[in-house]
N, C-alpha and C. Protein backbone atom coordinates (compact mmCIF):
# COMPACT_ATOMS: atom_id res chain seq x y z
N UNK A 1 -3.03 9.70 11.80
CA UNK A 1 -2.20 9.29 10.67
C UNK A 1 -1.89 10.47 9.76
N UNK A 2 -2.86 11.35 9.61
CA UNK A 2 -2.64 12.51 8.75
C UNK A 2 -1.52 13.39 9.31
N UNK A 3 -1.39 13.45 10.63
CA UNK A 3 -0.30 14.20 11.23
C UNK A 3 1.00 13.44 11.27
N UNK A 4 0.93 12.14 11.39
CA UNK A 4 2.14 11.31 11.51
C UNK A 4 2.85 11.09 10.18
N UNK A 5 2.12 10.77 9.14
CA UNK A 5 2.75 10.41 7.87
C UNK A 5 3.71 11.47 7.32
N UNK A 6 3.33 12.75 7.27
CA UNK A 6 4.27 13.74 6.74
C UNK A 6 5.56 13.83 7.55
N UNK A 7 5.51 13.54 8.84
CA UNK A 7 6.73 13.55 9.66
C UNK A 7 7.65 12.40 9.29
N UNK A 8 7.10 11.32 8.79
CA UNK A 8 7.91 10.16 8.40
C UNK A 8 8.48 10.32 6.99
N UNK A 9 7.81 11.06 6.15
CA UNK A 9 8.18 11.18 4.74
C UNK A 9 9.33 12.16 4.53
N UNK A 10 10.52 11.74 4.88
CA UNK A 10 11.74 12.53 4.67
C UNK A 10 12.35 12.12 3.34
N UNK A 11 13.00 13.06 2.63
CA UNK A 11 13.67 12.67 1.38
C UNK A 11 14.58 11.47 1.63
N UNK A 12 14.54 10.51 0.72
CA UNK A 12 15.28 9.26 0.94
C UNK A 12 15.86 8.70 -0.35
N UNK A 13 16.89 7.96 -0.20
CA UNK A 13 17.54 7.23 -1.27
C UNK A 13 18.35 6.12 -0.61
N UNK A 14 19.54 5.86 -1.13
CA UNK A 14 20.41 4.85 -0.52
C UNK A 14 20.65 5.23 0.93
N UNK A 15 20.68 4.30 1.82
CA UNK A 15 20.76 2.86 1.65
C UNK A 15 19.40 2.15 1.58
N UNK A 16 18.31 2.91 1.52
CA UNK A 16 16.99 2.29 1.51
C UNK A 16 16.67 1.71 0.14
N UNK A 17 16.08 0.53 0.16
CA UNK A 17 15.70 -0.15 -1.08
C UNK A 17 14.63 0.68 -1.80
N UNK A 18 14.81 0.86 -3.11
CA UNK A 18 13.81 1.63 -3.87
C UNK A 18 12.49 0.86 -4.00
N UNK A 19 11.40 1.59 -3.91
CA UNK A 19 10.08 1.00 -4.10
C UNK A 19 9.98 0.31 -5.45
N UNK A 20 10.55 0.89 -6.48
CA UNK A 20 10.49 0.28 -7.82
C UNK A 20 11.13 -1.11 -7.82
N UNK A 21 12.21 -1.27 -7.09
CA UNK A 21 12.88 -2.57 -7.00
C UNK A 21 12.01 -3.58 -6.25
N UNK A 22 11.40 -3.13 -5.17
CA UNK A 22 10.50 -4.00 -4.39
C UNK A 22 9.29 -4.41 -5.23
N UNK A 23 8.70 -3.45 -5.94
CA UNK A 23 7.53 -3.73 -6.78
C UNK A 23 7.89 -4.71 -7.90
N UNK A 24 9.08 -4.57 -8.48
CA UNK A 24 9.52 -5.49 -9.53
C UNK A 24 9.70 -6.90 -8.96
N UNK A 25 10.21 -7.00 -7.74
CA UNK A 25 10.38 -8.30 -7.09
C UNK A 25 9.02 -8.95 -6.86
N UNK A 26 8.03 -8.16 -6.37
CA UNK A 26 6.69 -8.70 -6.18
C UNK A 26 6.12 -9.16 -7.51
N UNK A 27 6.19 -8.29 -8.51
CA UNK A 27 5.60 -8.60 -9.82
C UNK A 27 6.23 -9.85 -10.43
N UNK A 28 7.52 -10.05 -10.18
CA UNK A 28 8.21 -11.20 -10.75
C UNK A 28 7.77 -12.54 -10.19
N UNK A 29 7.15 -12.53 -9.02
CA UNK A 29 6.77 -13.80 -8.40
C UNK A 29 5.27 -13.97 -8.19
N UNK A 30 4.49 -12.94 -8.45
CA UNK A 30 3.05 -13.01 -8.15
C UNK A 30 2.31 -14.11 -8.92
N UNK A 31 2.53 -14.17 -10.21
CA UNK A 31 1.80 -15.16 -11.02
C UNK A 31 2.09 -16.58 -10.53
N UNK A 32 3.36 -16.86 -10.26
CA UNK A 32 3.75 -18.18 -9.78
C UNK A 32 3.13 -18.50 -8.42
N UNK A 33 3.16 -17.54 -7.50
CA UNK A 33 2.56 -17.75 -6.18
C UNK A 33 1.06 -17.98 -6.30
N UNK A 34 0.41 -17.21 -7.17
CA UNK A 34 -1.03 -17.34 -7.39
C UNK A 34 -1.36 -18.75 -7.88
N UNK A 35 -0.56 -19.26 -8.80
CA UNK A 35 -0.75 -20.63 -9.31
C UNK A 35 -0.50 -21.65 -8.19
N UNK A 36 0.58 -21.47 -7.42
CA UNK A 36 0.96 -22.42 -6.37
C UNK A 36 -0.12 -22.60 -5.31
N UNK A 37 -0.83 -21.54 -4.98
CA UNK A 37 -1.85 -21.64 -3.94
C UNK A 37 -3.24 -21.92 -4.52
N UNK A 38 -3.28 -22.32 -5.77
CA UNK A 38 -4.54 -22.76 -6.36
C UNK A 38 -5.45 -21.67 -6.89
N UNK A 39 -4.85 -20.60 -7.39
CA UNK A 39 -5.64 -19.50 -7.97
C UNK A 39 -6.76 -19.07 -7.02
N UNK A 40 -6.39 -18.52 -5.87
CA UNK A 40 -7.37 -18.23 -4.82
C UNK A 40 -8.33 -17.08 -5.09
N UNK A 41 -8.10 -16.35 -6.15
CA UNK A 41 -9.00 -15.26 -6.53
C UNK A 41 -8.95 -15.12 -8.04
N UNK A 42 -9.86 -14.34 -8.57
CA UNK A 42 -10.00 -14.21 -10.01
C UNK A 42 -8.77 -13.56 -10.66
N UNK A 43 -8.51 -13.97 -11.88
CA UNK A 43 -7.34 -13.53 -12.64
C UNK A 43 -7.31 -12.01 -12.81
N UNK A 44 -8.47 -11.38 -12.91
CA UNK A 44 -8.49 -9.92 -13.14
C UNK A 44 -7.84 -9.17 -11.99
N UNK A 45 -7.91 -9.68 -10.75
CA UNK A 45 -7.24 -9.03 -9.62
C UNK A 45 -5.73 -9.14 -9.75
N UNK A 46 -5.27 -10.32 -10.14
CA UNK A 46 -3.84 -10.52 -10.36
C UNK A 46 -3.34 -9.59 -11.45
N UNK A 47 -4.04 -9.56 -12.57
CA UNK A 47 -3.63 -8.71 -13.69
C UNK A 47 -3.63 -7.23 -13.32
N UNK A 48 -4.63 -6.79 -12.56
CA UNK A 48 -4.71 -5.39 -12.15
C UNK A 48 -3.56 -5.04 -11.21
N UNK A 49 -3.23 -5.94 -10.31
CA UNK A 49 -2.10 -5.71 -9.39
C UNK A 49 -0.79 -5.63 -10.15
N UNK A 50 -0.58 -6.56 -11.07
CA UNK A 50 0.66 -6.54 -11.87
C UNK A 50 0.76 -5.27 -12.70
N UNK A 51 -0.35 -4.86 -13.29
CA UNK A 51 -0.36 -3.63 -14.09
C UNK A 51 -0.02 -2.42 -13.22
N UNK A 52 -0.63 -2.34 -12.05
CA UNK A 52 -0.36 -1.21 -11.14
C UNK A 52 1.10 -1.19 -10.72
N UNK A 53 1.63 -2.33 -10.31
CA UNK A 53 3.02 -2.38 -9.85
C UNK A 53 3.99 -1.95 -10.95
N UNK A 54 3.75 -2.40 -12.16
CA UNK A 54 4.66 -2.06 -13.26
C UNK A 54 4.51 -0.62 -13.72
N UNK A 55 3.28 -0.17 -13.86
CA UNK A 55 3.01 1.18 -14.37
C UNK A 55 3.44 2.25 -13.38
N UNK A 56 3.06 2.09 -12.12
CA UNK A 56 3.35 3.11 -11.12
C UNK A 56 4.84 3.20 -10.80
N UNK A 57 5.53 2.08 -10.83
CA UNK A 57 6.97 2.08 -10.53
C UNK A 57 7.75 2.98 -11.47
N UNK A 58 7.34 2.99 -12.72
CA UNK A 58 8.10 3.72 -13.74
C UNK A 58 7.86 5.22 -13.73
N UNK A 59 6.89 5.70 -12.97
CA UNK A 59 6.52 7.11 -13.05
C UNK A 59 6.33 7.75 -11.68
N UNK A 60 7.15 7.37 -10.72
CA UNK A 60 7.00 7.87 -9.35
C UNK A 60 7.43 9.32 -9.19
N UNK A 61 6.85 9.93 -8.17
CA UNK A 61 7.26 11.26 -7.75
C UNK A 61 8.49 11.19 -6.87
N UNK A 62 8.74 12.27 -6.16
CA UNK A 62 9.92 12.39 -5.28
C UNK A 62 10.01 11.22 -4.30
N UNK A 63 11.19 10.58 -4.19
CA UNK A 63 11.33 9.48 -3.24
C UNK A 63 11.48 9.98 -1.80
N UNK A 64 10.66 9.42 -0.93
CA UNK A 64 10.71 9.71 0.50
C UNK A 64 10.81 8.40 1.25
N UNK A 65 11.14 8.49 2.53
CA UNK A 65 11.20 7.30 3.36
C UNK A 65 9.78 6.78 3.61
N UNK A 66 9.58 5.52 3.32
CA UNK A 66 8.27 4.87 3.47
C UNK A 66 8.36 3.77 4.52
N UNK A 67 7.35 3.64 5.31
CA UNK A 67 7.28 2.63 6.37
C UNK A 67 6.97 1.25 5.78
N UNK A 68 6.12 1.16 4.83
CA UNK A 68 5.65 0.00 4.08
C UNK A 68 4.62 -0.85 4.82
N UNK A 69 4.61 -0.84 6.15
CA UNK A 69 3.65 -1.64 6.90
C UNK A 69 2.96 -0.77 7.96
N UNK A 70 2.67 0.47 7.59
CA UNK A 70 2.05 1.39 8.54
C UNK A 70 0.54 1.21 8.53
N UNK A 71 0.08 0.45 9.51
CA UNK A 71 -1.35 0.28 9.74
C UNK A 71 -1.60 0.63 11.20
N UNK A 72 -2.84 0.70 11.59
CA UNK A 72 -3.18 1.17 12.93
C UNK A 72 -2.53 0.35 14.04
N UNK A 73 -2.25 -0.93 13.80
CA UNK A 73 -1.61 -1.76 14.81
C UNK A 73 -0.13 -1.46 14.99
N UNK A 74 0.46 -0.70 14.07
CA UNK A 74 1.88 -0.36 14.15
C UNK A 74 2.10 1.10 14.53
N UNK A 75 1.12 1.69 15.19
CA UNK A 75 1.24 3.06 15.69
C UNK A 75 0.87 3.04 17.18
N UNK A 76 1.77 3.59 18.00
CA UNK A 76 1.57 3.58 19.44
C UNK A 76 1.53 5.00 20.00
N UNK A 77 0.70 5.23 21.00
CA UNK A 77 0.72 6.48 21.73
C UNK A 77 2.01 6.51 22.55
N UNK A 78 2.60 7.72 22.67
CA UNK A 78 3.88 7.81 23.36
C UNK A 78 3.98 9.13 24.11
N UNK A 79 5.05 9.27 24.87
CA UNK A 79 5.27 10.51 25.62
C UNK A 79 6.12 11.49 24.84
N UNK A 80 7.20 11.03 24.20
CA UNK A 80 8.10 11.97 23.50
C UNK A 80 7.47 12.57 22.26
N UNK A 81 6.52 11.86 21.66
CA UNK A 81 5.73 12.31 20.51
C UNK A 81 4.31 11.80 20.76
N UNK A 82 3.32 12.43 20.15
CA UNK A 82 1.96 11.91 20.36
C UNK A 82 1.80 10.47 19.83
N UNK A 83 2.45 10.18 18.70
CA UNK A 83 2.33 8.86 18.08
C UNK A 83 3.68 8.42 17.56
N UNK A 84 3.98 7.13 17.73
CA UNK A 84 5.20 6.55 17.20
C UNK A 84 4.87 5.38 16.29
N UNK A 85 5.55 5.31 15.16
CA UNK A 85 5.40 4.18 14.23
C UNK A 85 6.42 3.12 14.61
N UNK A 86 5.97 1.87 14.67
CA UNK A 86 6.86 0.75 14.99
C UNK A 86 6.87 -0.24 13.83
N UNK A 87 7.81 -1.15 13.87
CA UNK A 87 7.94 -2.27 12.93
C UNK A 87 8.03 -1.82 11.47
N UNK A 88 8.91 -0.85 11.16
CA UNK A 88 9.01 -0.41 9.77
C UNK A 88 9.67 -1.46 8.89
N UNK A 89 9.30 -1.42 7.64
CA UNK A 89 9.95 -2.20 6.58
C UNK A 89 10.31 -1.15 5.53
N UNK A 90 11.40 -0.41 5.78
CA UNK A 90 11.66 0.82 5.02
C UNK A 90 11.95 0.62 3.54
N UNK A 91 11.43 1.58 2.79
CA UNK A 91 11.67 1.69 1.35
C UNK A 91 11.81 3.18 1.03
N UNK A 92 12.34 3.46 -0.15
CA UNK A 92 12.36 4.82 -0.67
C UNK A 92 11.46 4.85 -1.90
N UNK A 93 10.44 5.67 -1.86
CA UNK A 93 9.51 5.75 -2.98
C UNK A 93 8.53 6.90 -2.79
N UNK A 94 7.57 6.99 -3.69
CA UNK A 94 6.65 8.12 -3.64
C UNK A 94 5.64 8.00 -2.50
N UNK A 95 5.15 9.15 -2.06
CA UNK A 95 4.23 9.25 -0.92
C UNK A 95 2.96 8.43 -1.12
N UNK A 96 2.46 8.36 -2.33
CA UNK A 96 1.19 7.66 -2.57
C UNK A 96 1.24 6.20 -2.11
N UNK A 97 2.41 5.59 -2.14
CA UNK A 97 2.54 4.23 -1.65
C UNK A 97 2.41 4.17 -0.13
N UNK A 98 2.75 5.24 0.53
CA UNK A 98 2.82 5.27 1.99
C UNK A 98 1.53 4.99 2.72
N UNK A 99 0.41 5.06 2.05
CA UNK A 99 -0.88 4.81 2.73
C UNK A 99 -1.45 3.42 2.42
N UNK A 100 -0.76 2.63 1.62
CA UNK A 100 -1.31 1.34 1.16
C UNK A 100 -1.72 0.42 2.31
N UNK A 101 -0.84 0.20 3.28
CA UNK A 101 -1.16 -0.71 4.38
C UNK A 101 -2.27 -0.16 5.26
N UNK A 102 -2.32 1.14 5.41
CA UNK A 102 -3.37 1.77 6.20
C UNK A 102 -4.73 1.65 5.52
N UNK A 103 -4.76 1.81 4.22
CA UNK A 103 -6.00 1.65 3.46
C UNK A 103 -6.50 0.21 3.59
N UNK A 104 -5.60 -0.74 3.46
CA UNK A 104 -5.95 -2.16 3.49
C UNK A 104 -6.27 -2.66 4.90
N UNK A 105 -5.65 -2.11 5.92
CA UNK A 105 -5.70 -2.65 7.27
C UNK A 105 -7.10 -2.83 7.83
N UNK A 106 -7.28 -3.90 8.57
CA UNK A 106 -8.57 -4.25 9.15
C UNK A 106 -8.85 -3.52 10.47
N UNK A 107 -7.81 -2.95 11.09
CA UNK A 107 -7.94 -2.40 12.44
C UNK A 107 -8.96 -1.26 12.52
N UNK A 108 -9.13 -0.53 11.45
CA UNK A 108 -10.05 0.62 11.45
C UNK A 108 -11.34 0.32 10.69
N UNK A 109 -11.63 -0.96 10.51
CA UNK A 109 -12.86 -1.37 9.84
C UNK A 109 -12.58 -2.12 8.56
N UNK A 110 -13.29 -3.21 8.37
CA UNK A 110 -13.11 -4.03 7.16
C UNK A 110 -14.44 -4.12 6.42
N UNK A 111 -14.66 -3.14 5.58
CA UNK A 111 -15.83 -3.12 4.70
C UNK A 111 -15.44 -2.27 3.50
N UNK A 112 -16.18 -2.40 2.44
CA UNK A 112 -15.91 -1.59 1.26
C UNK A 112 -15.95 -0.11 1.63
N UNK A 113 -16.95 0.26 2.39
CA UNK A 113 -17.11 1.66 2.79
C UNK A 113 -15.92 2.15 3.60
N UNK A 114 -15.46 1.35 4.57
CA UNK A 114 -14.34 1.74 5.44
C UNK A 114 -13.04 1.88 4.64
N UNK A 115 -12.78 0.93 3.76
CA UNK A 115 -11.56 0.96 2.95
C UNK A 115 -11.55 2.19 2.04
N UNK A 116 -12.65 2.42 1.35
CA UNK A 116 -12.69 3.56 0.42
C UNK A 116 -12.73 4.89 1.16
N UNK A 117 -13.31 4.91 2.32
CA UNK A 117 -13.30 6.15 3.13
C UNK A 117 -11.87 6.49 3.52
N UNK A 118 -11.10 5.48 3.95
CA UNK A 118 -9.69 5.73 4.30
C UNK A 118 -8.92 6.22 3.09
N UNK A 119 -9.12 5.57 1.96
CA UNK A 119 -8.43 5.99 0.73
C UNK A 119 -8.77 7.44 0.40
N UNK A 120 -10.04 7.76 0.39
CA UNK A 120 -10.47 9.11 0.02
C UNK A 120 -10.01 10.16 1.03
N UNK A 121 -10.16 9.86 2.30
CA UNK A 121 -9.77 10.84 3.32
C UNK A 121 -8.27 11.08 3.33
N UNK A 122 -7.49 10.01 3.32
CA UNK A 122 -6.04 10.17 3.36
C UNK A 122 -5.51 10.89 2.12
N UNK A 123 -6.00 10.53 0.95
CA UNK A 123 -5.50 11.20 -0.25
C UNK A 123 -5.91 12.67 -0.26
N UNK A 124 -7.12 12.97 0.17
CA UNK A 124 -7.57 14.37 0.19
C UNK A 124 -6.78 15.18 1.21
N UNK A 125 -6.68 14.68 2.44
CA UNK A 125 -6.04 15.46 3.49
C UNK A 125 -4.53 15.56 3.35
N UNK A 126 -3.92 14.58 2.69
CA UNK A 126 -2.47 14.62 2.50
C UNK A 126 -2.07 15.16 1.12
N UNK A 127 -3.05 15.50 0.30
CA UNK A 127 -2.75 16.05 -1.03
C UNK A 127 -2.12 15.04 -1.97
N UNK A 128 -2.56 13.79 -1.88
CA UNK A 128 -2.01 12.72 -2.72
C UNK A 128 -2.88 12.46 -3.93
N UNK A 129 -2.29 11.91 -4.96
CA UNK A 129 -3.01 11.50 -6.16
C UNK A 129 -3.79 10.23 -5.81
N UNK A 130 -5.11 10.34 -5.79
CA UNK A 130 -5.95 9.22 -5.37
C UNK A 130 -5.76 7.98 -6.23
N UNK A 131 -5.68 8.17 -7.53
CA UNK A 131 -5.58 7.01 -8.42
C UNK A 131 -4.25 6.28 -8.24
N UNK A 132 -3.18 7.02 -8.05
CA UNK A 132 -1.88 6.37 -7.79
C UNK A 132 -1.91 5.65 -6.45
N UNK A 133 -2.46 6.29 -5.43
CA UNK A 133 -2.55 5.65 -4.12
C UNK A 133 -3.42 4.39 -4.19
N UNK A 134 -4.51 4.46 -4.90
CA UNK A 134 -5.39 3.30 -5.07
C UNK A 134 -4.63 2.16 -5.76
N UNK A 135 -3.89 2.49 -6.81
CA UNK A 135 -3.12 1.48 -7.52
C UNK A 135 -2.05 0.82 -6.66
N UNK A 136 -1.32 1.64 -5.90
CA UNK A 136 -0.31 1.08 -5.00
C UNK A 136 -0.95 0.20 -3.94
N UNK A 137 -2.07 0.63 -3.38
CA UNK A 137 -2.76 -0.17 -2.37
C UNK A 137 -3.22 -1.50 -2.96
N UNK A 138 -3.74 -1.47 -4.16
CA UNK A 138 -4.16 -2.70 -4.84
C UNK A 138 -2.96 -3.62 -5.06
N UNK A 139 -1.88 -3.07 -5.59
CA UNK A 139 -0.69 -3.88 -5.86
C UNK A 139 -0.10 -4.50 -4.62
N UNK A 140 0.07 -3.70 -3.55
CA UNK A 140 0.66 -4.24 -2.33
C UNK A 140 -0.30 -5.22 -1.64
N UNK A 141 -1.58 -4.96 -1.70
CA UNK A 141 -2.56 -5.85 -1.08
C UNK A 141 -2.47 -7.25 -1.68
N UNK A 142 -2.39 -7.33 -2.99
CA UNK A 142 -2.26 -8.64 -3.64
C UNK A 142 -0.88 -9.24 -3.38
N UNK A 143 0.16 -8.44 -3.47
CA UNK A 143 1.52 -8.94 -3.26
C UNK A 143 1.70 -9.52 -1.86
N UNK A 144 1.11 -8.88 -0.87
CA UNK A 144 1.25 -9.34 0.50
C UNK A 144 0.17 -10.33 0.92
N UNK A 145 -0.85 -10.53 0.07
CA UNK A 145 -2.00 -11.29 0.54
C UNK A 145 -2.42 -12.48 -0.27
N UNK A 146 -1.55 -13.03 -1.11
CA UNK A 146 -1.93 -14.23 -1.86
C UNK A 146 -2.34 -15.31 -0.85
N UNK A 147 -3.53 -15.82 -1.00
CA UNK A 147 -4.02 -16.86 -0.10
C UNK A 147 -4.84 -16.33 1.07
N UNK A 148 -4.96 -15.00 1.20
CA UNK A 148 -5.76 -14.41 2.27
C UNK A 148 -7.01 -13.79 1.66
N UNK A 149 -8.14 -14.38 1.93
CA UNK A 149 -9.40 -13.91 1.33
C UNK A 149 -9.69 -12.46 1.66
N UNK A 150 -9.36 -12.02 2.87
CA UNK A 150 -9.64 -10.63 3.22
C UNK A 150 -8.85 -9.66 2.35
N UNK A 151 -7.64 -10.05 1.93
CA UNK A 151 -6.86 -9.20 1.02
C UNK A 151 -7.50 -9.18 -0.37
N UNK A 152 -7.96 -10.31 -0.82
CA UNK A 152 -8.63 -10.36 -2.13
C UNK A 152 -9.88 -9.49 -2.11
N UNK A 153 -10.60 -9.52 -1.00
CA UNK A 153 -11.80 -8.71 -0.86
C UNK A 153 -11.46 -7.21 -0.96
N UNK A 154 -10.41 -6.79 -0.25
CA UNK A 154 -9.98 -5.39 -0.32
C UNK A 154 -9.56 -5.04 -1.74
N UNK A 155 -8.83 -5.94 -2.39
CA UNK A 155 -8.39 -5.69 -3.77
C UNK A 155 -9.60 -5.52 -4.70
N UNK A 156 -10.64 -6.29 -4.50
CA UNK A 156 -11.85 -6.13 -5.32
C UNK A 156 -12.45 -4.75 -5.13
N UNK A 157 -12.54 -4.31 -3.87
CA UNK A 157 -13.10 -2.99 -3.59
C UNK A 157 -12.27 -1.89 -4.23
N UNK A 158 -10.94 -2.04 -4.16
CA UNK A 158 -10.05 -1.04 -4.75
C UNK A 158 -10.14 -1.03 -6.26
N UNK A 159 -10.28 -2.21 -6.86
CA UNK A 159 -10.40 -2.29 -8.31
C UNK A 159 -11.69 -1.62 -8.77
N UNK A 160 -12.77 -1.82 -8.04
CA UNK A 160 -14.06 -1.20 -8.39
C UNK A 160 -14.05 0.31 -8.18
N UNK A 161 -13.14 0.80 -7.36
CA UNK A 161 -13.09 2.23 -7.02
C UNK A 161 -12.30 3.06 -8.03
N UNK A 162 -11.90 2.46 -9.13
CA UNK A 162 -11.15 3.20 -10.17
C UNK A 162 -11.99 4.35 -10.66
N UNK A 163 -11.35 5.50 -10.80
CA UNK A 163 -12.07 6.69 -11.30
C UNK A 163 -11.65 7.01 -12.71
């Protein structure tokens, strides 16, 4: 992943949807979805996700092409390249968002230790701002996982990992 991600992160803008627009769309519906499914996790996770989505959107770095759903199950070994990313949901936004699905993904281990190890290793090796990447991972995990206990669990670990 450390070798693949920089190859995907090309400068981007139109016609790709901006990450800030996507984050605003998530933030606009999260509270309602959380209520609809019976408040499946504690309010502090919802509030932290909303805060991250709103705060990070307004202060992004250089926009690059983002896969949005890049986890280990969406990377295949290939002949023309060592690894190919499949099933993109493209956005234009900062690099720190680009590791969110990989940090959250269960394919490489689902434990507090595994999640935080991925966060720490990817941010260190790719030269990313750890706190911004943590915030984006928390925000997307809740946005994509209302009603999924494993997502709430990852969000708890990410919230506790604030530095």
